Amino acid sequence: MKPYITKKEVEEIQGKDARTQRFLTAENGCLGGCTSGTTVYAGYEFSAHPGVHEDQEGFYVLEGEGYARLGDLEFPIEAGDSFIALPGVPHTIKTKPGCQPVKVFWFHSAV
């Protein structure tokens, strides 16, 4: 087991232009559902199929401006903001029209 992965390896495995790129996973030693990666949200509407997980998922906004929805709570986000989706809470992100797409670093961890 190799407890790290390089950006080059991620791009070779998952594609350089993949909307979501997974970094640390069970293959690197993350246990109990631990995983991390980035996702770019270029759409101007919230997804009709929000994420919902049995574990918690934290987010850190790397680029762009937009909005996050956690259950019924909707709030603005921009680079430098951070938030968490607790277990079982539907969550989704959209980009603010006229702005750079929202890119987030995310991580899952066991509760």
N, C-alpha and C. Protein backbone atom coordinates (compact mmCIF):
# COMPACT_ATOMS: atom_id res chain seq x y z
N MET A 1 0.84 -1.18 0.00
CA MET A 1 0.00 0.00 0.00
C MET A 1 0.89 1.24 0.00
N LYS A 2 0.53 2.17 -0.85
CA LYS A 2 1.24 3.45 -0.94
C LYS A 2 0.35 4.51 -0.28
N PRO A 3 0.76 5.14 0.84
CA PRO A 3 -0.10 6.06 1.58
C PRO A 3 -0.15 7.47 0.99
N TYR A 4 0.04 7.61 -0.30
CA TYR A 4 -0.04 8.92 -0.95
C TYR A 4 -0.37 8.72 -2.42
N ILE A 5 -0.75 9.79 -3.08
CA ILE A 5 -0.95 9.78 -4.53
C ILE A 5 -0.58 11.15 -5.06
N THR A 6 0.02 11.19 -6.21
CA THR A 6 0.40 12.47 -6.81
C THR A 6 -0.71 12.97 -7.73
N LYS A 7 -0.72 14.26 -7.97
CA LYS A 7 -1.69 14.85 -8.88
C LYS A 7 -1.56 14.21 -10.27
N LYS A 8 -0.34 13.97 -10.70
CA LYS A 8 -0.09 13.35 -12.00
C LYS A 8 -0.75 11.98 -12.07
N GLU A 9 -0.63 11.19 -11.01
CA GLU A 9 -1.24 9.86 -10.97
C GLU A 9 -2.76 9.95 -11.04
N VAL A 10 -3.33 10.89 -10.28
CA VAL A 10 -4.78 11.07 -10.29
C VAL A 10 -5.25 11.40 -11.71
N GLU A 11 -4.55 12.32 -12.37
CA GLU A 11 -4.94 12.71 -13.73
C GLU A 11 -4.78 11.57 -14.72
N GLU A 12 -3.75 10.74 -14.55
CA GLU A 12 -3.57 9.59 -15.45
C GLU A 12 -4.66 8.55 -15.25
N ILE A 13 -5.07 8.33 -14.01
CA ILE A 13 -6.07 7.31 -13.69
C ILE A 13 -7.49 7.79 -14.01
N GLN A 14 -7.80 9.03 -13.61
CA GLN A 14 -9.17 9.52 -13.66
C GLN A 14 -9.43 10.52 -14.78
N GLY A 15 -8.38 11.00 -15.42
CA GLY A 15 -8.52 11.99 -16.48
C GLY A 15 -8.24 13.39 -15.97
N LYS A 16 -7.47 14.12 -16.73
CA LYS A 16 -7.08 15.48 -16.34
C LYS A 16 -8.28 16.41 -16.19
N ASP A 17 -9.29 16.23 -17.02
CA ASP A 17 -10.44 17.13 -17.01
C ASP A 17 -11.67 16.54 -16.32
N ALA A 18 -11.46 15.52 -15.49
CA ALA A 18 -12.58 14.93 -14.76
C ALA A 18 -13.21 15.95 -13.84
N ARG A 19 -14.54 16.00 -13.78
CA ARG A 19 -15.26 16.94 -12.92
C ARG A 19 -14.94 16.67 -11.45
N THR A 20 -14.83 15.39 -11.09
CA THR A 20 -14.47 14.98 -9.74
C THR A 20 -13.20 14.15 -9.82
N GLN A 21 -12.25 14.46 -8.94
CA GLN A 21 -11.02 13.67 -8.85
C GLN A 21 -10.87 13.19 -7.41
N ARG A 22 -10.80 11.87 -7.23
CA ARG A 22 -10.62 11.29 -5.90
C ARG A 22 -9.13 11.19 -5.61
N PHE A 23 -8.76 11.60 -4.40
CA PHE A 23 -7.36 11.56 -3.99
C PHE A 23 -7.13 10.38 -3.06
N LEU A 24 -7.30 10.58 -1.78
CA LEU A 24 -7.05 9.52 -0.80
C LEU A 24 -8.27 8.63 -0.67
N THR A 25 -8.04 7.32 -0.76
CA THR A 25 -9.10 6.32 -0.68
C THR A 25 -8.58 5.13 0.11
N ALA A 26 -9.34 4.05 0.16
CA ALA A 26 -8.90 2.84 0.85
C ALA A 26 -7.60 2.31 0.25
N GLU A 27 -7.38 2.55 -1.04
CA GLU A 27 -6.15 2.10 -1.69
C GLU A 27 -4.90 2.77 -1.11
N ASN A 28 -5.08 3.94 -0.48
CA ASN A 28 -3.97 4.66 0.13
C ASN A 28 -3.96 4.53 1.64
N GLY A 29 -4.89 3.74 2.19
CA GLY A 29 -4.90 3.54 3.63
C GLY A 29 -6.00 4.25 4.38
N CYS A 30 -6.84 5.03 3.69
CA CYS A 30 -7.97 5.67 4.37
C CYS A 30 -8.96 4.59 4.77
N LEU A 31 -9.30 4.51 6.03
CA LEU A 31 -10.18 3.46 6.55
C LEU A 31 -11.52 4.03 7.00
N GLY A 32 -12.50 3.18 7.13
CA GLY A 32 -13.80 3.59 7.66
C GLY A 32 -14.52 4.60 6.78
N GLY A 33 -14.34 4.52 5.47
CA GLY A 33 -15.01 5.45 4.57
C GLY A 33 -14.26 6.73 4.30
N CYS A 34 -13.08 6.87 4.85
CA CYS A 34 -12.26 8.07 4.62
C CYS A 34 -11.92 8.18 3.14
N THR A 35 -12.13 9.32 2.55
CA THR A 35 -11.73 9.61 1.18
C THR A 35 -11.71 11.13 1.00
N SER A 36 -10.96 11.60 0.02
CA SER A 36 -10.91 13.03 -0.26
C SER A 36 -10.75 13.26 -1.75
N GLY A 37 -11.04 14.49 -2.18
CA GLY A 37 -10.89 14.83 -3.58
C GLY A 37 -11.37 16.24 -3.86
N THR A 38 -11.51 16.55 -5.13
CA THR A 38 -12.04 17.85 -5.56
C THR A 38 -13.17 17.62 -6.55
N THR A 39 -14.09 18.57 -6.60
CA THR A 39 -15.16 18.56 -7.60
C THR A 39 -15.38 19.99 -8.07
N VAL A 40 -15.65 20.13 -9.38
CA VAL A 40 -15.98 21.43 -9.97
C VAL A 40 -17.48 21.43 -10.25
N TYR A 41 -18.17 22.45 -9.76
CA TYR A 41 -19.61 22.63 -9.97
C TYR A 41 -19.80 23.82 -10.90
N ALA A 42 -20.07 23.56 -12.18
CA ALA A 42 -20.21 24.62 -13.18
C ALA A 42 -21.67 24.99 -13.45
N GLY A 43 -22.61 24.17 -12.97
CA GLY A 43 -24.02 24.43 -13.24
C GLY A 43 -24.58 25.57 -12.42
N TYR A 44 -25.61 26.21 -12.97
CA TYR A 44 -26.26 27.34 -12.30
C TYR A 44 -27.52 26.92 -11.55
N GLU A 45 -27.82 25.63 -11.55
CA GLU A 45 -28.97 25.10 -10.82
C GLU A 45 -28.48 24.00 -9.88
N PHE A 46 -29.17 23.85 -8.74
CA PHE A 46 -28.85 22.75 -7.84
C PHE A 46 -29.21 21.42 -8.51
N SER A 47 -28.45 20.40 -8.24
CA SER A 47 -28.71 19.07 -8.79
C SER A 47 -30.05 18.55 -8.29
N ALA A 48 -30.78 17.88 -9.17
CA ALA A 48 -32.03 17.23 -8.78
C ALA A 48 -31.76 15.99 -7.94
N HIS A 49 -30.48 15.55 -7.92
CA HIS A 49 -30.08 14.37 -7.16
C HIS A 49 -28.93 14.74 -6.22
N PRO A 50 -29.24 15.41 -5.11
CA PRO A 50 -28.17 15.82 -4.19
C PRO A 50 -27.46 14.63 -3.57
N GLY A 51 -26.23 14.86 -3.13
CA GLY A 51 -25.49 13.84 -2.41
C GLY A 51 -26.10 13.62 -1.04
N VAL A 52 -26.08 12.41 -0.58
CA VAL A 52 -26.50 12.08 0.78
C VAL A 52 -25.74 10.82 1.18
N HIS A 53 -25.10 10.86 2.35
CA HIS A 53 -24.21 9.79 2.75
C HIS A 53 -24.46 9.38 4.20
N GLU A 54 -23.98 8.20 4.55
CA GLU A 54 -24.08 7.72 5.93
C GLU A 54 -23.00 8.32 6.82
N ASP A 55 -21.98 8.90 6.19
CA ASP A 55 -20.92 9.54 6.97
C ASP A 55 -21.01 11.06 6.79
N GLN A 56 -20.09 11.78 7.38
CA GLN A 56 -20.07 13.24 7.23
C GLN A 56 -19.12 13.61 6.10
N GLU A 57 -19.44 14.73 5.42
CA GLU A 57 -18.60 15.21 4.33
C GLU A 57 -18.31 16.69 4.55
N GLY A 58 -17.03 17.01 4.64
CA GLY A 58 -16.61 18.40 4.81
C GLY A 58 -16.19 18.99 3.48
N PHE A 59 -16.35 20.30 3.34
CA PHE A 59 -16.02 21.01 2.11
C PHE A 59 -15.19 22.25 2.41
N TYR A 60 -14.25 22.54 1.52
CA TYR A 60 -13.48 23.79 1.55
C TYR A 60 -13.52 24.34 0.13
N VAL A 61 -14.01 25.57 -0.03
CA VAL A 61 -14.14 26.17 -1.35
C VAL A 61 -12.79 26.71 -1.81
N LEU A 62 -12.30 26.16 -2.92
CA LEU A 62 -11.01 26.56 -3.47
C LEU A 62 -11.13 27.74 -4.43
N GLU A 63 -12.17 27.73 -5.27
CA GLU A 63 -12.35 28.75 -6.31
C GLU A 63 -13.83 29.01 -6.52
N GLY A 64 -14.12 30.18 -7.07
CA GLY A 64 -15.47 30.50 -7.53
C GLY A 64 -16.39 31.05 -6.47
N GLU A 65 -17.61 31.36 -6.94
CA GLU A 65 -18.68 31.84 -6.07
C GLU A 65 -19.95 31.09 -6.42
N GLY A 66 -20.75 30.82 -5.41
CA GLY A 66 -21.99 30.12 -5.67
C GLY A 66 -22.82 29.98 -4.42
N TYR A 67 -23.54 28.87 -4.37
CA TYR A 67 -24.44 28.60 -3.25
C TYR A 67 -24.35 27.12 -2.90
N ALA A 68 -24.49 26.84 -1.62
CA ALA A 68 -24.56 25.47 -1.14
C ALA A 68 -25.94 25.27 -0.53
N ARG A 69 -26.43 24.05 -0.62
CA ARG A 69 -27.69 23.68 0.01
C ARG A 69 -27.43 22.45 0.86
N LEU A 70 -27.76 22.56 2.15
CA LEU A 70 -27.68 21.46 3.11
C LEU A 70 -29.09 21.25 3.63
N GLY A 71 -29.76 20.20 3.17
CA GLY A 71 -31.16 20.02 3.55
C GLY A 71 -31.97 21.19 3.02
N ASP A 72 -32.64 21.93 3.91
CA ASP A 72 -33.43 23.10 3.52
C ASP A 72 -32.65 24.41 3.65
N LEU A 73 -31.43 24.35 4.14
CA LEU A 73 -30.60 25.54 4.33
C LEU A 73 -29.80 25.85 3.08
N GLU A 74 -29.97 27.07 2.54
CA GLU A 74 -29.22 27.51 1.37
C GLU A 74 -28.42 28.75 1.76
N PHE A 75 -27.13 28.78 1.36
CA PHE A 75 -26.29 29.91 1.74
C PHE A 75 -25.23 30.16 0.67
N PRO A 76 -24.74 31.43 0.59
CA PRO A 76 -23.71 31.76 -0.40
C PRO A 76 -22.36 31.21 0.03
N ILE A 77 -21.54 30.85 -0.97
CA ILE A 77 -20.18 30.37 -0.70
C ILE A 77 -19.21 31.04 -1.68
N GLU A 78 -17.97 31.17 -1.24
CA GLU A 78 -16.90 31.69 -2.09
C GLU A 78 -15.59 31.12 -1.60
N ALA A 79 -14.53 31.34 -2.38
CA ALA A 79 -13.21 30.81 -2.03
C ALA A 79 -12.86 31.14 -0.58
N GLY A 80 -12.41 30.11 0.14
CA GLY A 80 -12.02 30.26 1.54
C GLY A 80 -13.08 29.82 2.53
N ASP A 81 -14.31 29.62 2.06
CA ASP A 81 -15.39 29.18 2.95
C ASP A 81 -15.30 27.67 3.17
N SER A 82 -15.86 27.22 4.28
CA SER A 82 -15.86 25.80 4.62
C SER A 82 -17.20 25.45 5.24
N PHE A 83 -17.68 24.23 4.99
CA PHE A 83 -18.93 23.77 5.59
C PHE A 83 -18.94 22.25 5.64
N ILE A 84 -19.91 21.70 6.36
CA ILE A 84 -19.98 20.25 6.53
C ILE A 84 -21.41 19.77 6.32
N ALA A 85 -21.55 18.64 5.64
CA ALA A 85 -22.83 17.96 5.48
C ALA A 85 -22.82 16.78 6.46
N LEU A 86 -23.69 16.82 7.44
CA LEU A 86 -23.75 15.77 8.44
C LEU A 86 -24.38 14.51 7.85
N PRO A 87 -24.22 13.37 8.50
CA PRO A 87 -24.78 12.12 7.98
C PRO A 87 -26.27 12.25 7.66
N GLY A 88 -26.66 11.76 6.49
CA GLY A 88 -28.06 11.75 6.09
C GLY A 88 -28.61 13.05 5.56
N VAL A 89 -27.81 14.12 5.52
CA VAL A 89 -28.30 15.43 5.07
C VAL A 89 -28.02 15.58 3.56
N PRO A 90 -29.07 15.75 2.75
CA PRO A 90 -28.87 15.97 1.32
C PRO A 90 -28.09 17.28 1.10
N HIS A 91 -27.16 17.27 0.14
CA HIS A 91 -26.35 18.46 -0.10
C HIS A 91 -25.99 18.59 -1.57
N THR A 92 -25.90 19.83 -2.00
CA THR A 92 -25.56 20.13 -3.39
C THR A 92 -25.01 21.55 -3.47
N ILE A 93 -24.36 21.84 -4.59
CA ILE A 93 -23.69 23.13 -4.81
C ILE A 93 -24.01 23.61 -6.22
N LYS A 94 -24.12 24.93 -6.39
CA LYS A 94 -24.26 25.50 -7.72
C LYS A 94 -23.41 26.77 -7.81
N THR A 95 -23.06 27.14 -9.04
CA THR A 95 -22.27 28.33 -9.30
C THR A 95 -23.19 29.54 -9.46
N LYS A 96 -22.76 30.67 -8.98
CA LYS A 96 -23.48 31.93 -9.15
C LYS A 96 -23.32 32.37 -10.61
N PRO A 97 -24.44 32.70 -11.30
CA PRO A 97 -24.34 33.12 -12.70
C PRO A 97 -23.34 34.27 -12.88
N GLY A 98 -22.55 34.16 -13.93
CA GLY A 98 -21.56 35.19 -14.23
C GLY A 98 -20.25 35.03 -13.47
N CYS A 99 -20.15 34.01 -12.64
CA CYS A 99 -18.95 33.81 -11.83
C CYS A 99 -18.19 32.55 -12.28
N GLN A 100 -16.94 32.49 -11.86
CA GLN A 100 -16.12 31.31 -12.10
C GLN A 100 -16.76 30.11 -11.41
N PRO A 101 -16.74 28.91 -12.04
CA PRO A 101 -17.32 27.72 -11.39
C PRO A 101 -16.74 27.47 -10.00
N VAL A 102 -17.57 26.91 -9.14
CA VAL A 102 -17.15 26.59 -7.78
C VAL A 102 -16.33 25.29 -7.81
N LYS A 103 -15.14 25.35 -7.25
CA LYS A 103 -14.30 24.15 -7.10
C LYS A 103 -14.09 23.95 -5.61
N VAL A 104 -14.42 22.74 -5.14
CA VAL A 104 -14.27 22.44 -3.72
C VAL A 104 -13.32 21.27 -3.49
N PHE A 105 -12.64 21.32 -2.38
CA PHE A 105 -11.94 20.16 -1.83
C PHE A 105 -12.92 19.55 -0.86
N TRP A 106 -13.13 18.24 -0.92
CA TRP A 106 -14.06 17.57 -0.02
C TRP A 106 -13.39 16.37 0.64
N PHE A 107 -13.94 15.99 1.78
CA PHE A 107 -13.44 14.79 2.45
C PHE A 107 -14.58 14.11 3.19
N HIS A 108 -14.55 12.80 3.18
CA HIS A 108 -15.50 11.98 3.92
C HIS A 108 -14.75 11.39 5.11
N SER A 109 -15.43 11.32 6.24
CA SER A 109 -14.84 10.66 7.39
C SER A 109 -15.92 9.97 8.20
N ALA A 110 -15.53 8.91 8.85
CA ALA A 110 -16.47 8.15 9.67
C ALA A 110 -16.98 9.00 10.82
N VAL A 111 -18.14 8.68 11.29
CA VAL A 111 -18.74 9.42 12.41
C VAL A 111 -18.33 8.79 13.71
